[in-house]
Every structure is written in structure tokens, then in C-alpha cells.
PDB file of N, CA and C in Angstrom:
ATOM      1  N   MET A   1      13.340 112.749 -39.892  1.00  0.00           N
ATOM      2  CA  MET A   1      14.365 111.811 -40.302  1.00  0.00           C
ATOM      3  C   MET A   1      14.828 110.997 -39.095  1.00  0.00           C
ATOM      4  N   GLU A   2      15.004 109.715 -39.297  1.00  0.00           N
ATOM      5  CA  GLU A   2      15.391 108.833 -38.203  1.00  0.00           C
ATOM      6  C   GLU A   2      16.871 109.006 -37.867  1.00  0.00           C
ATOM      7  N   GLN A   3      17.162 109.026 -36.582  1.00  0.00           N
ATOM      8  CA  GLN A   3      18.538 109.154 -36.112  1.00  0.00           C
ATOM      9  C   GLN A   3      19.305 107.862 -36.364  1.00  0.00           C
ATOM     10  N   THR A   4      20.564 107.988 -36.754  1.00  0.00           N
ATOM     11  CA  THR A   4      21.409 106.803 -36.840  1.00  0.00           C
ATOM     12  C   THR A   4      21.878 106.445 -35.432  1.00  0.00           C
ATOM     13  N   ARG A   5      22.382 105.244 -35.286  1.00  0.00           N
ATOM     14  CA  ARG A   5      22.916 104.826 -33.987  1.00  0.00           C
ATOM     15  C   ARG A   5      24.057 105.750 -33.568  1.00  0.00           C
ATOM     16  N   ILE A   6      24.915 106.110 -34.526  1.00  0.00           N
ATOM     17  CA  ILE A   6      26.040 106.993 -34.212  1.00  0.00           C
ATOM     18  C   ILE A   6      25.531 108.341 -33.715  1.00  0.00           C
ATOM     19  N   GLU A   7      24.545 108.912 -34.407  1.00  0.00           N
ATOM     20  CA  GLU A   7      23.998 110.205 -33.979  1.00  0.00           C
ATOM     21  C   GLU A   7      23.383 110.106 -32.584  1.00  0.00           C
ATOM     22  N   PHE A   8      22.645 109.029 -32.344  1.00  0.00           N
ATOM     23  CA  PHE A   8      22.027 108.823 -31.035  1.00  0.00           C
ATOM     24  C   PHE A   8      23.091 108.726 -29.947  1.00  0.00           C
ATOM     25  N   LEU A   9      24.142 107.952 -30.212  1.00  0.00           N
ATOM     26  CA  LEU A   9      25.195 107.778 -29.214  1.00  0.00           C
ATOM     27  C   LEU A   9      25.992 109.063 -29.005  1.00  0.00           C
ATOM     28  N   GLU A  10      26.241 109.812 -30.076  1.00  0.00           N
ATOM     29  CA  GLU A  10      26.940 111.097 -29.931  1.00  0.00           C
ATOM     30  C   GLU A  10      26.122 112.054 -29.073  1.00  0.00           C
ATOM     31  N   GLU A  11      24.822 112.070 -29.307  1.00  0.00           N
ATOM     32  CA  GLU A  11      23.938 112.922 -28.510  1.00  0.00           C
ATOM     33  C   GLU A  11      23.947 112.470 -27.047  1.00  0.00           C
ATOM     34  N   SER A  12      23.905 111.162 -26.831  1.00  0.00           N
ATOM     35  CA  SER A  12      23.939 110.623 -25.472  1.00  0.00           C
ATOM     36  C   SER A  12      25.244 110.975 -24.778  1.00  0.00           C
ATOM     37  N   LEU A  13      26.335 110.930 -25.527  1.00  0.00           N
ATOM     38  CA  LEU A  13      27.635 111.253 -24.952  1.00  0.00           C
ATOM     39  C   LEU A  13      27.730 112.739 -24.599  1.00  0.00           C
ATOM     40  N   ARG A  14      27.127 113.581 -25.414  1.00  0.00           N
ATOM     41  CA  ARG A  14      27.102 115.016 -25.079  1.00  0.00           C
ATOM     42  C   ARG A  14      26.338 115.238 -23.774  1.00  0.00           C
ATOM     43  N   SER A  15      25.271 114.477 -23.577  1.00  0.00           N
ATOM     44  CA  SER A  15      24.481 114.604 -22.344  1.00  0.00           C
ATOM     45  C   SER A  15      25.237 114.079 -21.133  1.00  0.00           C
ATOM     46  N   ASP A  16      26.038 113.030 -21.338  1.00  0.00           N
ATOM     47  CA  ASP A  16      26.780 112.416 -20.236  1.00  0.00           C
ATOM     48  C   ASP A  16      28.172 112.036 -20.722  1.00  0.00           C
ATOM     49  N   PRO A  17      29.094 113.018 -20.776  1.00  0.00           N
ATOM     50  CA  PRO A  17      30.431 112.769 -21.326  1.00  0.00           C
ATOM     51  C   PRO A  17      31.267 111.752 -20.545  1.00  0.00           C
ATOM     52  N   ASN A  18      30.856 111.438 -19.329  1.00  0.00           N
ATOM     53  CA  ASN A  18      31.600 110.464 -18.524  1.00  0.00           C
ATOM     54  C   ASN A  18      31.059 109.049 -18.639  1.00  0.00           C
ATOM     55  N   SER A  19      30.077 108.836 -19.489  1.00  0.00           N
ATOM     56  CA  SER A  19      29.510 107.500 -19.639  1.00  0.00           C
ATOM     57  C   SER A  19      30.467 106.603 -20.424  1.00  0.00           C
ATOM     58  N   THR A  20      31.102 105.695 -19.702  1.00  0.00           N
ATOM     59  CA  THR A  20      32.037 104.786 -20.369  1.00  0.00           C
ATOM     60  C   THR A  20      31.308 103.876 -21.348  1.00  0.00           C
ATOM     61  N   PHE A  21      30.130 103.411 -20.968  1.00  0.00           N
ATOM     62  CA  PHE A  21      29.403 102.503 -21.852  1.00  0.00           C
ATOM     63  C   PHE A  21      29.017 103.182 -23.162  1.00  0.00           C
ATOM     64  N   VAL A  22      28.511 104.405 -23.087  1.00  0.00           N
ATOM     65  CA  VAL A  22      28.101 105.112 -24.308  1.00  0.00           C
ATOM     66  C   VAL A  22      29.321 105.369 -25.187  1.00  0.00           C
ATOM     67  N   ARG A  23      30.428 105.784 -24.593  1.00  0.00           N
ATOM     68  CA  ARG A  23      31.646 106.048 -25.370  1.00  0.00           C
ATOM     69  C   ARG A  23      32.140 104.746 -26.034  1.00  0.00           C
ATOM     70  N   TYR A  24      32.095 103.653 -25.304  1.00  0.00           N
ATOM     71  CA  TYR A  24      32.507 102.354 -25.837  1.00  0.00           C
ATOM     72  C   TYR A  24      31.593 101.938 -26.991  1.00  0.00           C
ATOM     73  N   ALA A  25      30.293 102.080 -26.797  1.00  0.00           N
ATOM     74  CA  ALA A  25      29.332 101.725 -27.849  1.00  0.00           C
ATOM     75  C   ALA A  25      29.542 102.591 -29.086  1.00  0.00           C
ATOM     76  N   LEU A  26      29.826 103.859 -28.893  1.00  0.00           N
ATOM     77  CA  LEU A  26      30.081 104.757 -30.018  1.00  0.00           C
ATOM     78  C   LEU A  26      31.348 104.328 -30.767  1.00  0.00           C
ATOM     79  N   ALA A  27      32.387 103.988 -30.035  1.00  0.00           N
ATOM     80  CA  ALA A  27      33.621 103.506 -30.675  1.00  0.00           C
ATOM     81  C   ALA A  27      33.326 102.265 -31.527  1.00  0.00           C
ATOM     82  N   LEU A  28      32.538 101.349 -30.994  1.00  0.00           N
ATOM     83  CA  LEU A  28      32.195 100.134 -31.744  1.00  0.00           C
ATOM     84  C   LEU A  28      31.397 100.456 -33.002  1.00  0.00           C
ATOM     85  N   GLU A  29      30.505 101.424 -32.903  1.00  0.00           N
ATOM     86  CA  GLU A  29      29.727 101.828 -34.081  1.00  0.00           C
ATOM     87  C   GLU A  29      30.643 102.440 -35.148  1.00  0.00           C
ATOM     88  N   PHE A  30      31.619 103.227 -34.721  1.00  0.00           N
ATOM     89  CA  PHE A  30      32.574 103.793 -35.674  1.00  0.00           C
ATOM     90  C   PHE A  30      33.392 102.680 -36.333  1.00  0.00           C
ATOM     91  N   VAL A  31      33.764 101.675 -35.566  1.00  0.00           N
ATOM     92  CA  VAL A  31      34.490 100.535 -36.140  1.00  0.00           C
ATOM     93  C   VAL A  31      33.629  99.883 -37.217  1.00  0.00           C
ATOM     94  N   LYS A  32      32.367  99.610 -36.885  1.00  0.00           N
ATOM     95  CA  LYS A  32      31.452  98.965 -37.852  1.00  0.00           C
ATOM     96  C   LYS A  32      31.273  99.808 -39.105  1.00  0.00           C
ATOM     97  N   ALA A  33      31.326 101.134 -38.953  1.00  0.00           N
ATOM     98  CA  ALA A  33      31.128 102.040 -40.081  1.00  0.00           C
ATOM     99  C   ALA A  33      32.422 102.261 -40.870  1.00  0.00           C
ATOM    100  N   GLY A  34      33.517 101.598 -40.446  1.00  0.00           N
ATOM    101  CA  GLY A  34      34.787 101.767 -41.141  1.00  0.00           C
ATOM    102  C   GLY A  34      35.455 103.098 -40.851  1.00  0.00           C
ATOM    103  N   ARG A  35      35.116 103.693 -39.729  1.00  0.00           N
ATOM    104  CA  ARG A  35      35.657 105.007 -39.337  1.00  0.00           C
ATOM    105  C   ARG A  35      36.633 104.805 -38.178  1.00  0.00           C
ATOM    106  N   GLY A  36      37.744 104.130 -38.494  1.00  0.00           N
ATOM    107  CA  GLY A  36      38.704 103.707 -37.487  1.00  0.00           C
ATOM    108  C   GLY A  36      39.334 104.822 -36.686  1.00  0.00           C
ATOM    109  N   GLU A  37      39.658 105.944 -37.337  1.00  0.00           N
ATOM    110  CA  GLU A  37      40.299 107.040 -36.598  1.00  0.00           C
ATOM    111  C   GLU A  37      39.365 107.607 -35.540  1.00  0.00           C
ATOM    112  N   GLU A  38      38.095 107.737 -35.894  1.00  0.00           N
ATOM    113  CA  GLU A  38      37.121 108.244 -34.916  1.00  0.00           C
ATOM    114  C   GLU A  38      36.928 107.228 -33.795  1.00  0.00           C
ATOM    115  N   ALA A  39      36.892 105.948 -34.153  1.00  0.00           N
ATOM    116  CA  ALA A  39      36.770 104.903 -33.136  1.00  0.00           C
ATOM    117  C   ALA A  39      37.964 104.960 -32.194  1.00  0.00           C
ATOM    118  N   TRP A  40      39.168 105.083 -32.762  1.00  0.00           N
ATOM    119  CA  TRP A  40      40.374 105.110 -31.936  1.00  0.00           C
ATOM    120  C   TRP A  40      40.343 106.272 -30.953  1.00  0.00           C
ATOM    121  N   ARG A  41      39.872 107.438 -31.359  1.00  0.00           N
ATOM    122  CA  ARG A  41      39.812 108.587 -30.435  1.00  0.00           C
ATOM    123  C   ARG A  41      38.994 108.240 -29.187  1.00  0.00           C
ATOM    124  N   HIS A  42      37.896 107.520 -29.380  1.00  0.00           N
ATOM    125  CA  HIS A  42      37.058 107.154 -28.237  1.00  0.00           C
ATOM    126  C   HIS A  42      37.703 106.047 -27.408  1.00  0.00           C
ATOM    127  N   PHE A  43      38.306 105.061 -28.071  1.00  0.00           N
ATOM    128  CA  PHE A  43      39.019 104.029 -27.313  1.00  0.00           C
ATOM    129  C   PHE A  43      40.162 104.646 -26.513  1.00  0.00           C
ATOM    130  N   GLU A  44      40.909 105.541 -27.154  1.00  0.00           N
ATOM    131  CA  GLU A  44      42.044 106.180 -26.490  1.00  0.00           C
ATOM    132  C   GLU A  44      41.569 106.968 -25.265  1.00  0.00           C
ATOM    133  N   HIS A  45      40.435 107.647 -25.397  1.00  0.00           N
ATOM    134  CA  HIS A  45      39.872 108.380 -24.261  1.00  0.00           C
ATOM    135  C   HIS A  45      39.558 107.408 -23.117  1.00  0.00           C
ATOM    136  N   LEU A  46      38.927 106.294 -23.437  1.00  0.00           N
ATOM    137  CA  LEU A  46      38.594 105.310 -22.407  1.00  0.00           C
ATOM    138  C   LEU A  46      39.858 104.769 -21.740  1.00  0.00           C
ATOM    139  N   LEU A  47      40.851 104.406 -22.541  1.00  0.00           N
ATOM    140  CA  LEU A  47      42.075 103.822 -21.990  1.00  0.00           C
ATOM    141  C   LEU A  47      42.834 104.819 -21.125  1.00  0.00           C
ATOM    142  N   THR A  48      42.758 106.087 -21.464  1.00  0.00           N
ATOM    143  CA  THR A  48      43.464 107.128 -20.713  1.00  0.00           C
ATOM    144  C   THR A  48      42.704 107.541 -19.461  1.00  0.00           C
ATOM    145  N   HIS A  49      41.404 107.806 -19.618  1.00  0.00           N
ATOM    146  CA  HIS A  49      40.623 108.374 -18.513  1.00  0.00           C
ATOM    147  C   HIS A  49      39.877 107.338 -17.676  1.00  0.00           C
ATOM    148  N   HIS A  50      39.699 106.150 -18.214  1.00  0.00           N
ATOM    149  CA  HIS A  50      38.986 105.079 -17.496  1.00  0.00           C
ATOM    150  C   HIS A  50      39.753 103.770 -17.680  1.00  0.00           C
ATOM    151  N   PRO A  51      40.999 103.706 -17.177  1.00  0.00           N
ATOM    152  CA  PRO A  51      41.847 102.542 -17.446  1.00  0.00           C
ATOM    153  C   PRO A  51      41.311 101.225 -16.888  1.00  0.00           C
ATOM    154  N   ASP A  52      40.356 101.277 -15.988  1.00  0.00           N
ATOM    155  CA  ASP A  52      39.773 100.036 -15.460  1.00  0.00           C
ATOM    156  C   ASP A  52      38.604  99.529 -16.298  1.00  0.00           C
ATOM    157  N   TYR A  53      38.248 100.246 -17.351  1.00  0.00           N
ATOM    158  CA  TYR A  53      37.155  99.809 -18.226  1.00  0.00           C
ATOM    159  C   TYR A  53      37.713  98.742 -19.170  1.00  0.00           C
ATOM    160  N   SER A  54      37.725  97.515 -18.683  1.00  0.00           N
ATOM    161  CA  SER A  54      38.467  96.436 -19.333  1.00  0.00           C
ATOM    162  C   SER A  54      37.971  96.067 -20.727  1.00  0.00           C
ATOM    163  N   ALA A  55      36.697  96.271 -21.016  1.00  0.00           N
ATOM    164  CA  ALA A  55      36.163  95.894 -22.327  1.00  0.00           C
ATOM    165  C   ALA A  55      36.852  96.634 -23.462  1.00  0.00           C
ATOM    166  N   ALA A  56      37.321  97.837 -23.192  1.00  0.00           N
ATOM    167  CA  ALA A  56      37.918  98.661 -24.247  1.00  0.00           C
ATOM    168  C   ALA A  56      39.236  98.087 -24.771  1.00  0.00           C
ATOM    169  N   TYR A  57      39.974  97.377 -23.947  1.00  0.00           N
ATOM    170  CA  TYR A  57      41.305  96.916 -24.359  1.00  0.00           C
ATOM    171  C   TYR A  57      41.258  95.947 -25.537  1.00  0.00           C
ATOM    172  N   TYR A  58      40.368  94.990 -25.479  1.00  0.00           N
ATOM    173  CA  TYR A  58      40.295  93.988 -26.552  1.00  0.00           C
ATOM    174  C   TYR A  58      39.924  94.649 -27.876  1.00  0.00           C
ATOM    175  N   GLN A  59      38.845  95.421 -27.871  1.00  0.00           N
ATOM    176  CA  GLN A  59      38.376  96.041 -29.114  1.00  0.00           C
ATOM    177  C   GLN A  59      39.381  97.071 -29.639  1.00  0.00           C
ATOM    178  N   ALA A  60      39.986  97.834 -28.745  1.00  0.00           N
ATOM    179  CA  ALA A  60      41.002  98.810 -29.171  1.00  0.00           C
ATOM    180  C   ALA A  60      42.203  98.087 -29.772  1.00  0.00           C
ATOM    181  N   GLY A  61      42.616  97.012 -29.128  1.00  0.00           N
ATOM    182  CA  GLY A  61      43.740  96.232 -29.651  1.00  0.00           C
ATOM    183  C   GLY A  61      43.455  95.666 -31.030  1.00  0.00           C
ATOM    184  N   LYS A  62      42.266  95.133 -31.214  1.00  0.00           N
ATOM    185  CA  LYS A  62      41.890  94.575 -32.519  1.00  0.00           C
ATOM    186  C   LYS A  62      41.862  95.668 -33.591  1.00  0.00           C
ATOM    187  N   LEU A  63      41.352  96.848 -33.236  1.00  0.00           N
ATOM    188  CA  LEU A  63      41.334  97.965 -34.185  1.00  0.00           C
ATOM    189  C   LEU A  63      42.761  98.347 -34.579  1.00  0.00           C
ATOM    190  N   LEU A  64      43.651  98.407 -33.612  1.00  0.00           N
ATOM    191  CA  LEU A  64      45.035  98.750 -33.908  1.00  0.00           C
ATOM    192  C   LEU A  64      45.695  97.706 -34.803  1.00  0.00           C
ATOM    193  N   VAL A  65      45.404  96.436 -34.562  1.00  0.00           N
ATOM    194  CA  VAL A  65      45.941  95.372 -35.421  1.00  0.00           C
ATOM    195  C   VAL A  65      45.462  95.575 -36.852  1.00  0.00           C
ATOM    196  N   ARG A  66      44.161  95.788 -37.018  1.00  0.00           N
ATOM    197  CA  ARG A  66      43.599  95.991 -38.371  1.00  0.00           C
ATOM    198  C   ARG A  66      44.179  97.230 -39.040  1.00  0.00           C
ATOM    199  N   SER A  67      44.593  98.211 -38.227  1.00  0.00           N
ATOM    200  CA  SER A  67      45.167  99.447 -38.765  1.00  0.00           C
ATOM    201  C   SER A  67      46.661  99.310 -39.037  1.00  0.00           C
ATOM    202  N   GLY A  68      47.223  98.137 -38.745  1.00  0.00           N
ATOM    203  CA  GLY A  68      48.649  97.922 -38.969  1.00  0.00           C
ATOM    204  C   GLY A  68      49.536  98.509 -37.881  1.00  0.00           C
ATOM    205  N   ARG A  69      48.945  98.914 -36.784  1.00  0.00           N
ATOM    206  CA  ARG A  69      49.701  99.513 -35.666  1.00  0.00           C
ATOM    207  C   ARG A  69      50.007  98.429 -34.631  1.00  0.00           C
ATOM    208  N   HIS A  70      50.841  97.486 -35.020  1.00  0.00           N
ATOM    209  CA  HIS A  70      51.070  96.288 -34.204  1.00  0.00           C
ATOM    210  C   HIS A  70      51.746  96.576 -32.873  1.00  0.00           C
ATOM    211  N   GLU A  71      52.711  97.488 -32.846  1.00  0.00           N
ATOM    212  CA  GLU A  71      53.386  97.805 -31.588  1.00  0.00           C
ATOM    213  C   GLU A  71      52.395  98.442 -30.605  1.00  0.00           C
ATOM    214  N   ASP A  72      51.570  99.353 -31.095  1.00  0.00           N
ATOM    215  CA  ASP A  72      50.534  99.959 -30.240  1.00  0.00           C
ATOM    216  C   ASP A  72      49.546  98.902 -29.762  1.00  0.00           C
ATOM    217  N   ALA A  73      49.177  98.003 -30.668  1.00  0.00           N
ATOM    218  CA  ALA A  73      48.238  96.930 -30.308  1.00  0.00           C
ATOM    219  C   ALA A  73      48.829  96.051 -29.214  1.00  0.00           C
ATOM    220  N   ARG A  74      50.100  95.721 -29.359  1.00  0.00           N
ATOM    221  CA  ARG A  74      50.768  94.885 -28.355  1.00  0.00           C
ATOM    222  C   ARG A  74      50.729  95.563 -26.987  1.00  0.00           C
ATOM    223  N   ARG A  75      51.004  96.867 -26.951  1.00  0.00           N
ATOM    224  CA  ARG A  75      50.977  97.619 -25.687  1.00  0.00           C
ATOM    225  C   ARG A  75      49.576  97.625 -25.075  1.00  0.00           C
ATOM    226  N   VAL A  76      48.562  97.894 -25.899  1.00  0.00           N
ATOM    227  CA  VAL A  76      47.180  97.963 -25.402  1.00  0.00           C
ATOM    228  C   VAL A  76      46.729  96.598 -24.880  1.00  0.00           C
ATOM    229  N   LEU A  77      47.009  95.544 -25.628  1.00  0.00           N
ATOM    230  CA  LEU A  77      46.591  94.206 -25.199  1.00  0.00           C
ATOM    231  C   LEU A  77      47.313  93.792 -23.918  1.00  0.00           C
ATOM    232  N   ALA A  78      48.607  94.088 -23.820  1.00  0.00           N
ATOM    233  CA  ALA A  78      49.370  93.752 -22.608  1.00  0.00           C
ATOM    234  C   ALA A  78      48.830  94.509 -21.396  1.00  0.00           C
ATOM    235  N   LYS A  79      48.514  95.786 -21.575  1.00  0.00           N
ATOM    236  CA  LYS A  79      47.941  96.570 -20.474  1.00  0.00           C
ATOM    237  C   LYS A  79      46.576  96.004 -20.082  1.00  0.00           C
ATOM    238  N   GLY A  80      45.792  95.593 -21.065  1.00  0.00           N
ATOM    239  CA  GLY A  80      44.495  94.986 -20.782  1.00  0.00           C
ATOM    240  C   GLY A  80      44.631  93.696 -19.983  1.00  0.00           C
ATOM    241  N   ILE A  81      45.652  92.911 -20.298  1.00  0.00           N
ATOM    242  CA  ILE A  81      45.907  91.674 -19.542  1.00  0.00           C
ATOM    243  C   ILE A  81      46.220  92.015 -18.091  1.00  0.00           C
ATOM    244  N   GLU A  82      47.033  93.036 -17.901  1.00  0.00           N
ATOM    245  CA  GLU A  82      47.389  93.487 -16.550  1.00  0.00           C
ATOM    246  C   GLU A  82      46.133  93.953 -15.782  1.00  0.00           C
ATOM    247  N   VAL A  83      45.303  94.757 -16.425  1.00  0.00           N
ATOM    248  CA  VAL A  83      44.094  95.289 -15.786  1.00  0.00           C
ATOM    249  C   VAL A  83      43.123  94.158 -15.426  1.00  0.00           C
ATOM    250  N   THR A  84      42.872  93.269 -16.382  1.00  0.00           N
ATOM    251  CA  THR A  84      41.907  92.188 -16.119  1.00  0.00           C
ATOM    252  C   THR A  84      42.435  91.196 -15.094  1.00  0.00           C
ATOM    253  N   ALA A  85      43.760  91.018 -15.030  1.00  0.00           N
ATOM    254  CA  ALA A  85      44.344  90.142 -14.010  1.00  0.00           C
ATOM    255  C   ALA A  85      44.085  90.720 -12.622  1.00  0.00           C
ATOM    256  N   LYS A  86      44.288  92.036 -12.485  1.00  0.00           N
ATOM    257  CA  LYS A  86      44.036  92.699 -11.192  1.00  0.00           C
ATOM    258  C   LYS A  86      42.570  92.593 -10.795  1.00  0.00           C
ATOM    259  N   GLN A  87      41.685  92.634 -11.807  1.00  0.00           N
ATOM    260  CA  GLN A  87      40.244  92.578 -11.541  1.00  0.00           C
ATOM    261  C   GLN A  87      39.765  91.146 -11.303  1.00  0.00           C
ATOM    262  N   GLY A  88      40.601  90.167 -11.606  1.00  0.00           N
ATOM    263  CA  GLY A  88      40.181  88.773 -11.500  1.00  0.00           C
ATOM    264  C   GLY A  88      39.222  88.375 -12.601  1.00  0.00           C
ATOM    265  N   ASN A  89      39.248  89.099 -13.708  1.00  0.00           N
ATOM    266  CA  ASN A  89      38.353  88.849 -14.840  1.00  0.00           C
ATOM    267  C   ASN A  89      39.036  87.860 -15.789  1.00  0.00           C
ATOM    268  N   LEU A  90      38.898  86.586 -15.481  1.00  0.00           N
ATOM    269  CA  LEU A  90      39.623  85.552 -16.217  1.00  0.00           C
ATOM    270  C   LEU A  90      39.178  85.429 -17.664  1.00  0.00           C
ATOM    271  N   HIS A  91      37.898  85.599 -17.927  1.00  0.00           N
ATOM    272  CA  HIS A  91      37.394  85.479 -19.299  1.00  0.00           C
ATOM    273  C   HIS A  91      37.997  86.573 -20.186  1.00  0.00           C
ATOM    274  N   ALA A  92      37.919  87.811 -19.731  1.00  0.00           N
ATOM    275  CA  ALA A  92      38.469  88.922 -20.517  1.00  0.00           C
ATOM    276  C   ALA A  92      39.981  88.772 -20.659  1.00  0.00           C
ATOM    277  N   ARG A  93      40.632  88.354 -19.592  1.00  0.00           N
ATOM    278  CA  ARG A  93      42.091  88.160 -19.657  1.00  0.00           C
ATOM    279  C   ARG A  93      42.443  87.108 -20.701  1.00  0.00           C
ATOM    280  N   SER A  94      41.697  86.041 -20.720  1.00  0.00           N
ATOM    281  CA  SER A  94      41.936  84.969 -21.691  1.00  0.00           C
ATOM    282  C   SER A  94      41.761  85.466 -23.128  1.00  0.00           C
ATOM    283  N   GLU A  95      40.725  86.267 -23.364  1.00  0.00           N
ATOM    284  CA  GLU A  95      40.505  86.825 -24.707  1.00  0.00           C
ATOM    285  C   GLU A  95      41.660  87.731 -25.122  1.00  0.00           C
ATOM    286  N   LEU A  96      42.129  88.549 -24.193  1.00  0.00           N
ATOM    287  CA  LEU A  96      43.242  89.454 -24.474  1.00  0.00           C
ATOM    288  C   LEU A  96      44.522  88.669 -24.746  1.00  0.00           C
ATOM    289  N   GLU A  97      44.772  87.630 -23.952  1.00  0.00           N
ATOM    290  CA  GLU A  97      45.960  86.799 -24.169  1.00  0.00           C
ATOM    291  C   GLU A  97      45.890  86.118 -25.532  1.00  0.00           C
ATOM    292  N   GLY A  98      44.696  85.654 -25.915  1.00  0.00           N
ATOM    293  CA  GLY A  98      44.523  85.033 -27.224  1.00  0.00           C
ATOM    294  C   GLY A  98      44.788  86.014 -28.355  1.00  0.00           C
ATOM    295  N   ALA A  99      44.306  87.237 -28.207  1.00  0.00           N
ATOM    296  CA  ALA A  99      44.521  88.267 -29.234  1.00  0.00           C
ATOM    297  C   ALA A  99      46.004  88.614 -29.342  1.00  0.00           C
ATOM    298  N   LEU A 100      46.687  88.692 -28.207  1.00  0.00           N
ATOM    299  CA  LEU A 100      48.114  89.006 -28.209  1.00  0.00           C
ATOM    300  C   LEU A 100      48.906  87.862 -28.840  1.00  0.00           C
ATOM    301  N   GLU A 101      48.545  86.646 -28.514  1.00  0.00           N
ATOM    302  CA  GLU A 101      49.224  85.478 -29.099  1.00  0.00           C
ATOM    303  C   GLU A 101      48.994  85.422 -30.607  1.00  0.00           C
ATOM    304  N   GLU A 102      47.779  85.712 -31.036  1.00  0.00           N
ATOM    305  CA  GLU A 102      47.466  85.740 -32.469  1.00  0.00           C
ATOM    306  C   GLU A 102      48.312  86.802 -33.180  1.00  0.00           C
ATOM    307  N   LEU A 103      48.453  87.952 -32.567  1.00  0.00           N
ATOM    308  CA  LEU A 103      49.276  89.022 -33.138  1.00  0.00           C
ATOM    309  C   LEU A 103      50.722  88.560 -33.262  1.00  0.00           C
ATOM    310  N   ARG A 104      51.246  87.941 -32.219  1.00  0.00           N
ATOM    311  CA  ARG A 104      52.638  87.443 -32.238  1.00  0.00           C
ATOM    312  C   ARG A 104      52.833  86.388 -33.327  1.00  0.00           C
ATOM    313  N   SER A 105      51.867  85.501 -33.472  1.00  0.00           N
ATOM    314  CA  SER A 105      52.017  84.412 -34.445  1.00  0.00           C
ATOM    315  C   SER A 105      51.988  84.925 -35.875  1.00  0.00           C
ATOM    316  N   HIS A 106      51.294  86.011 -36.141  1.00  0.00           N
ATOM    317  CA  HIS A 106      51.244  86.581 -37.487  1.00  0.00           C
ATOM    318  C   HIS A 106      52.483  87.378 -37.821  1.00  0.00           C
ATOM    319  N   GLU A 107      53.239  87.748 -36.804  1.00  0.00           N
ATOM    320  CA  GLU A 107      54.432  88.553 -37.034  1.00  0.00           C
ATOM    321  C   GLU A 107      55.666  87.686 -37.295  1.00  0.00           C
ATOM    322  N   HIS A 108      55.585  86.405 -36.999  1.00  0.00           N
ATOM    323  CA  HIS A 108      56.753  85.538 -37.178  1.00  0.00           C
ATOM    324  C   HIS A 108      56.663  84.717 -38.422  1.00  0.00           C
TER     325      HIS A 108
END
């Protein structure tokens, strides 16, 4: 039987639990599969244990918005803006600022 992407990534993560890329890819696969709680666990792990992994902030923030967790999303996106600003990552910072502004505009 052919392995699913999720199974492959879970196996890869077991082999290398510190792989930020594999954990991020697994979170994205869970999002695509509509398994938001499982995706959030992986995003939360990245944000807690690898706070400089800037890619996680945008996707985690978007997941929180879709889950109706707007205050959490605002915190994650703001922290991502702070992290990407320190890194000089203007593109990622701009995306995060856009997501935060979009969240604010939908709340008013």
C-alpha cells in the first residue's frame, strides 16, 4: 500500500524530531486534510521550540483565523512580524502585516 504524504512526513519526523521543515510540512498537510487541531499542535511546537522559524507564523496565524481564534491569531502574527523584522526578512514581514491588517479589517 502506498504511503500518504502525512504518513511519510510523520515517519520522517520520528526519524528526525528536530527537523523544522518536516514538522512545518506535516502541519501544512494536516491543514490541507482539514485536521486543524493536529496542524496547530505542530505549529505550536515550532513557535515554542523554534521561534526563529519565520515561515510558521503566517500559516499558523491563518489557521487560527479560520478556526475563529482571532486573539491568538493576532498574537501569532504580531510575533511573526517582530521575528521577521529582526531577521530583515521584508517579504515575510509584509505578508504577516497584510494578514494582520486583513484580520483587523474583518473585525470592524
